[in-house]
Structures are given as C-alpha cells and as structure tokens.
Protein backbone atom coordinates (compact mmCIF):
# COMPACT_ATOMS: atom_id res chain seq x y z
CA MET A 1 47.12 0.49 -19.29
CA GLY A 2 48.48 3.63 -17.61
CA PRO A 3 46.94 5.89 -14.96
CA ILE A 4 43.77 7.76 -15.82
CA SER A 5 44.22 11.44 -16.61
CA LYS A 6 42.49 14.14 -14.58
CA ARG A 7 40.50 15.17 -17.66
CA ALA A 8 39.26 11.60 -18.26
CA LEU A 9 38.39 11.27 -14.58
CA LEU A 10 36.41 14.53 -14.71
CA VAL A 11 34.53 13.37 -17.83
CA VAL A 12 33.60 10.06 -16.13
CA LEU A 13 32.63 11.86 -12.93
CA ALA A 14 30.49 14.40 -14.85
CA ALA A 15 28.72 11.57 -16.70
CA TRP A 16 28.05 9.75 -13.42
CA VAL A 17 26.70 12.92 -11.76
CA GLY A 18 24.54 13.57 -14.85
CA GLN A 19 23.06 10.08 -14.57
CA ALA A 20 22.35 10.55 -10.87
CA THR A 21 20.72 13.90 -11.57
CA ALA A 22 18.60 12.43 -14.36
CA GLY A 23 17.51 9.61 -12.01
CA GLU A 24 16.56 12.14 -9.35
CA THR A 25 14.51 14.14 -11.86
CA THR A 26 12.45 11.13 -12.94
CA ASP A 27 11.90 10.26 -9.29
CA LEU A 28 11.48 13.84 -8.08
CA PHE A 29 8.10 13.09 -6.50
CA SER A 30 8.70 9.81 -4.66
CA GLY A 31 8.31 10.37 -0.96
CA ARG A 32 6.06 11.62 1.79
CA TYR A 33 4.78 15.17 2.16
CA GLY A 34 3.56 17.16 5.10
CA HIS A 35 2.69 20.73 6.06
CA ASP A 36 3.11 22.93 9.10
CA ALA A 37 -0.59 22.72 10.05
CA SER A 38 -0.54 18.95 10.64
CA GLU A 39 -0.23 17.63 14.18
CA PRO A 40 2.64 17.32 14.82
CA ALA A 41 3.95 19.81 12.26
CA TYR A 42 5.23 18.11 9.11
CA ALA A 43 3.85 14.71 9.99
CA PRO A 44 3.37 12.71 6.76
CA VAL A 45 0.02 13.49 5.14
CA TRP A 46 0.47 12.35 1.52
CA GLU A 47 2.82 9.92 -0.16
CA LEU A 48 3.62 9.70 -3.86
CA LYS A 49 5.18 6.54 -5.23
CA ARG A 50 5.66 4.74 -8.48
CA GLY A 51 2.89 2.29 -9.25
CA GLY A 52 3.76 0.18 -12.29
CA GLU A 53 4.05 2.54 -15.23
CA GLY A 54 2.27 5.37 -13.45
CA TRP A 55 2.01 6.83 -9.98
CA GLN A 56 0.09 6.14 -6.80
CA ALA A 57 -0.93 8.80 -4.32
CA VAL A 58 -1.50 7.69 -0.76
CA VAL A 59 -3.91 10.49 0.11
CA ALA A 60 -4.31 9.61 3.77
CA VAL A 61 -1.01 8.20 5.00
CA ILE A 62 -2.47 7.15 8.35
CA GLU A 63 -5.34 5.18 6.74
CA GLY A 64 -3.26 4.13 3.72
CA GLU A 65 -5.91 5.09 1.14
CA SER A 66 -4.20 4.84 -2.27
CA VAL A 67 -5.44 6.19 -5.62
CA ASP A 68 -4.02 6.31 -9.13
CA ALA A 69 -2.13 9.49 -9.92
CA TYR A 70 -0.50 10.91 -13.03
CA ARG A 71 2.13 13.43 -13.98
CA LEU A 72 0.63 16.50 -15.63
CA SER A 73 1.67 17.34 -19.16
CA SER A 74 2.55 20.91 -20.07
CA ALA A 75 -1.08 21.34 -21.21
CA GLY A 76 -2.31 20.08 -17.82
CA ARG A 77 -0.04 22.46 -15.92
CA GLY A 78 -1.14 25.28 -18.22
CA ALA A 79 -4.81 24.49 -17.53
CA PHE A 80 -4.23 24.62 -13.78
CA TRP A 81 -2.17 27.83 -14.01
CA GLN A 82 -4.96 29.45 -16.08
CA LYS A 83 -7.54 28.38 -13.49
CA MET A 84 -5.44 30.04 -10.80
CA HIS A 85 -4.83 33.17 -12.94
CA TRP A 86 -1.06 32.74 -12.58
CA PRO A 87 1.49 33.79 -15.24
CA VAL A 88 1.20 30.86 -17.65
CA ALA A 89 4.89 31.05 -18.63
CA THR A 90 5.84 29.97 -15.09
CA ALA A 91 4.05 26.64 -15.59
CA ALA A 92 6.89 25.51 -17.87
CA ASP A 93 9.28 25.33 -14.90
CA ALA A 94 6.83 23.45 -12.67
CA ASP A 95 6.28 19.71 -12.39
CA CYS A 96 3.03 18.33 -10.97
CA ILE A 97 1.34 15.07 -10.09
CA SER A 98 -2.45 15.01 -9.83
CA TRP A 99 -5.13 12.52 -8.82
CA GLY A 100 -8.89 12.24 -8.60
CA GLU A 101 -11.62 13.20 -11.01
CA ALA A 102 -11.16 16.43 -12.93
CA PRO A 103 -13.33 19.15 -11.43
CA PRO A 104 -16.31 19.95 -13.63
CA ASP A 105 -15.99 23.03 -15.78
CA LEU A 106 -19.37 24.78 -16.04
CA MET A 107 -18.73 26.11 -19.56
CA ALA A 108 -17.66 22.67 -20.83
CA MET A 109 -20.79 21.13 -19.26
CA LEU A 110 -23.06 23.73 -20.85
CA GLN A 111 -21.40 23.34 -24.24
CA GLU A 112 -21.33 19.55 -23.89
CA ALA A 113 -17.62 19.67 -24.72
CA PRO A 114 -15.74 16.38 -24.71
CA ALA A 115 -13.90 15.64 -21.50
CA VAL A 116 -10.18 16.35 -21.42
CA ALA A 117 -8.24 13.30 -20.28
CA PRO A 118 -5.24 13.18 -17.99
CA PRO A 119 -2.43 14.20 -18.22
CA ASP A 120 -3.74 17.20 -20.18
CA THR A 121 -5.90 18.36 -17.32
CA PHE A 122 -5.67 18.28 -13.54
CA GLY A 123 -7.73 16.23 -11.12
CA GLU A 124 -9.25 17.26 -7.81
CA ALA A 125 -5.88 17.43 -6.04
CA LEU A 126 -2.26 17.91 -6.99
CA ILE A 127 1.23 18.35 -5.62
CA CYS A 128 3.60 20.55 -7.59
CA HIS A 129 7.28 21.39 -7.48
CA VAL A 130 7.94 25.01 -8.50
CA PRO A 131 11.52 26.34 -8.49
CA ALA A 132 12.14 29.60 -6.60
CA ALA A 133 12.58 31.78 -9.72
CA SER A 134 9.11 30.87 -11.00
CA ARG A 135 7.55 30.87 -7.51
CA HIS A 136 8.59 34.48 -6.98
CA ALA A 137 6.70 35.49 -10.15
CA ILE A 138 3.42 34.04 -8.80
CA ASP A 139 1.64 36.22 -6.22
CA TRP A 140 0.19 33.26 -4.29
CA LEU A 141 3.55 31.50 -4.05
CA ALA A 142 5.98 34.44 -3.89
CA ASP A 143 6.42 34.27 -0.10
CA ALA A 144 6.58 30.47 0.08
CA THR A 145 9.79 29.05 1.52
CA GLU A 146 9.19 25.57 0.11
CA ASP A 147 9.46 24.52 -3.54
CA TRP A 148 6.32 22.38 -3.14
CA PHE A 149 2.62 23.12 -2.87
CA TYR A 150 -0.56 21.08 -2.56
CA TYR A 151 -3.92 22.08 -4.01
CA ASP A 152 -7.45 20.82 -3.65
CA PRO A 153 -10.76 22.73 -3.87
CA MET A 154 -11.35 22.57 -0.10
CA ALA A 155 -7.86 23.41 1.23
CA GLY A 156 -6.87 25.66 -1.65
CA ILE A 157 -3.11 26.21 -2.00
CA MET A 158 -0.88 25.17 0.87
CA SER A 159 2.87 25.01 1.12
CA VAL A 160 4.12 21.48 1.72
CA ARG A 161 7.49 19.92 2.38
CA GLN A 162 8.85 16.72 0.90
CA LEU A 163 9.84 14.54 3.87
CA HIS A 164 11.29 11.44 2.12
C-alpha cells in the first residue's frame, strides 16, 4: 500500500471534523451556565446534562436540585417565540431545553383545551442557544453579546454564558 494522497487525507479529515461537529451539536447544551448578575459574576447557576434518554437540569447548582428537562421541538420553540412576540421565523435557528410545568394559558383553561405535552410546548424555564444572525432580528436579544439566554416568568429574559 502506497502513501495516502492529499485528496484522500482531506476527505478523511473532513469526515472526522464532520463527526466531531455532529457530536458537538447533539451535546450543545451539556455544561454549566451563569450570568453577570451572579456573585461572583458568571458563577455556575444552572447545569444541563444528559439523563438517560433525556436531559436533566440542575436548577440550583449550589443545592444540586435536579429536574427532568427536554429539548423543545420546532412547535415548542414556535410557541415560546409567539408568547414573546418575536419573529417566528427566527425560532428555526434556535435550540432550547426547557423544564418545569408548562405555564397555564388562560384561553386554553377557559376553553378546556387539552394540554400540550413537551416537547411541543415550553415549561416554566428554558435555556436557548440563538445564533447571532437570528438574535439580531429579535428586539429583546439584538444587543446581547452571548448566544445563550435563560427565561423564566420571574426573571424574564437574561443573557447567560455557557461555562463548561
């Protein structure tokens, strides 16, 4: 067997990089997250990690309180984007993990509509990754320097950083 050609080497290298990139995408969320308002700034506040076939969110890193979490489907991201009155098309570029009970929707309660199950809706809190191009099209996120945000009904939207 002779030496490997540059072209063959590039094909193998491209395939290897593609596999690494695909692995990173499926594990995009694993890690700890913090924000600039924690003390000290960017101390770990939340942690997302694989839990069997789903996800676990450690919602209070210091206390270690862990809850089941789930990756939002496109319908779930769309529901959250509609709630926030953001351009719905930008939800396609986002990726989110949510946890907790879905917040009650007054109209659904009044109409006795069946509950929407995860991952087609969002829970009480979520962490999302939104690439810069989409972020800049969303008023609330346009000035954010991080690709990540956290949301819950009490804190609202806050920019977070993945700490690993």
